[in-house]
Protein backbone atom coordinates (compact mmCIF):
# COMPACT_ATOMS: atom_id res chain seq x y z
CA MET A 1 27.53 31.01 -5.10
CA PRO A 2 29.11 30.13 -1.79
CA HIS A 3 32.69 30.26 -3.06
CA LYS A 4 32.42 33.87 -4.29
CA ARG A 5 33.52 36.71 -2.06
CA ASN A 6 30.98 39.26 -3.22
CA PRO A 7 28.88 38.46 -6.29
CA GLU A 8 27.02 41.79 -6.19
CA ARG A 9 29.29 43.53 -8.69
CA SER A 10 29.11 40.68 -11.20
CA GLU A 11 25.32 40.57 -10.76
CA HIS A 12 25.18 44.32 -11.40
CA LEU A 13 27.27 43.83 -14.53
CA ASP A 14 24.74 41.26 -15.72
CA THR A 15 21.91 43.75 -15.08
CA LEU A 16 23.66 46.45 -17.11
CA ALA A 17 24.09 44.00 -19.99
CA ARG A 18 20.39 43.13 -19.89
CA LEU A 19 19.40 46.80 -19.96
CA ALA A 20 21.71 47.48 -22.90
CA ARG A 21 20.37 44.44 -24.76
CA ALA A 22 16.84 45.66 -24.21
CA GLN A 23 17.66 48.80 -26.21
CA ALA A 24 19.00 46.81 -29.16
CA GLY A 25 15.51 46.40 -30.60
CA VAL A 26 14.99 50.15 -30.76
CA MET A 27 18.35 50.68 -32.45
CA LEU A 28 17.63 47.92 -34.98
CA GLU A 29 14.23 49.39 -35.70
CA ALA A 30 15.84 52.80 -36.25
CA MET A 31 17.99 51.21 -38.96
CA VAL A 32 14.94 50.45 -41.08
CA GLN A 33 14.72 53.40 -43.41
CA ILE A 34 12.87 53.95 -46.62
CA HIS A 35 14.44 56.15 -49.25
CA GLU A 36 17.68 57.38 -47.69
CA ARG A 37 17.04 58.27 -44.06
CA ARG A 38 13.44 59.21 -44.03
CA ARG A 39 12.54 61.48 -41.12
CA GLY A 40 10.77 59.16 -38.66
CA GLY A 41 13.05 56.25 -37.82
CA TRP A 42 16.28 57.93 -36.83
CA LYS A 43 14.61 59.99 -34.10
CA ALA A 44 14.19 56.78 -32.12
CA GLU A 45 17.98 56.74 -31.73
CA TRP A 46 18.07 60.03 -29.83
CA PRO A 47 16.98 58.83 -26.39
CA VAL A 48 18.46 55.34 -26.76
CA PHE A 49 22.02 56.07 -27.87
CA PRO A 50 23.01 58.25 -24.87
CA GLU A 51 21.51 55.67 -22.51
CA LEU A 52 23.47 52.91 -24.24
CA CYS A 53 26.64 54.96 -23.86
CA LEU A 54 25.99 55.38 -20.13
CA LEU A 55 25.17 51.71 -19.65
CA THR A 56 28.27 50.64 -21.57
CA SER A 57 30.64 53.02 -19.79
CA SER A 58 29.23 51.99 -16.40
CA ALA A 59 29.63 48.32 -17.29
CA LEU A 60 33.19 48.88 -18.47
CA ALA A 61 34.17 50.71 -15.27
CA LEU A 62 32.55 47.98 -13.19
CA ALA A 63 34.25 45.20 -15.16
CA ILE A 64 37.66 46.86 -14.80
CA ASP A 65 37.12 47.20 -11.05
CA LEU A 66 35.94 43.59 -10.81
CA VAL A 67 38.95 42.20 -12.70
CA ARG A 68 41.40 44.43 -10.86
CA GLY A 69 40.70 42.54 -7.62
CA LEU A 70 40.83 39.12 -9.24
CA GLU A 71 43.35 36.71 -7.76
CA VAL A 72 44.38 33.92 -10.10
CA ARG A 73 46.14 31.03 -8.42
CA THR A 74 47.04 28.72 -11.28
CA GLU A 75 48.60 26.08 -9.05
CA ARG A 76 45.35 25.78 -7.06
CA MET A 77 43.32 25.69 -10.26
CA ARG A 78 45.48 22.86 -11.59
CA ALA A 79 45.26 20.95 -8.29
CA ASN A 80 41.48 21.33 -8.27
CA VAL A 81 41.13 20.09 -11.84
CA ASP A 82 43.51 17.18 -11.25
CA GLY A 83 41.82 16.25 -7.98
CA ASP A 84 38.36 16.50 -9.52
CA ARG A 85 38.70 13.18 -11.38
CA GLY A 86 36.49 14.56 -14.16
CA LEU A 87 33.55 15.62 -12.01
CA LEU A 88 31.55 18.58 -13.19
CA SER A 89 32.16 21.82 -11.32
CA GLU A 90 28.45 22.15 -10.49
CA ARG A 91 28.60 18.91 -8.52
CA VAL A 92 31.70 20.11 -6.69
CA LEU A 93 30.07 23.46 -5.87
CA SER A 94 26.90 21.75 -4.68
CA ALA A 95 28.90 19.52 -2.36
CA TYR A 96 30.89 22.51 -1.14
CA ALA A 97 27.72 24.55 -0.50
CA ALA A 98 26.19 21.66 1.41
CA ARG A 99 29.26 21.52 3.63
CA VAL A 100 29.89 25.21 4.32
CA GLY A 101 26.42 26.63 3.74
CA LYS A 102 25.37 29.57 1.64
CA ALA A 103 26.61 33.11 2.16
CA PRO A 104 24.14 35.24 4.09
CA GLY A 105 22.12 37.62 1.96
CA PRO A 106 21.83 41.38 2.47
CA GLY A 107 20.29 42.03 5.64
């Protein structure tokens, strides 16, 4: 989005969430047990749980870093909403992008 300073960290956070979600199926399948923790299913947790812990801790550190640099200017937010006359933000962003152009990609 053209109004973002650096969307790479938020995009990386999204990627970490997708990777963690992808492991949810394995963890759910490991829950299916016949007769009080039969041998087979719980072994599927072994490689997945540590990876989920790493993904989650990385995402948490990234999110904290991302929010730490956040600047909230409530007076500007209010002025933008009031001046918007009910237009959707997507339309405003599209008009803004058409005026200022898109941010250059990695190069």
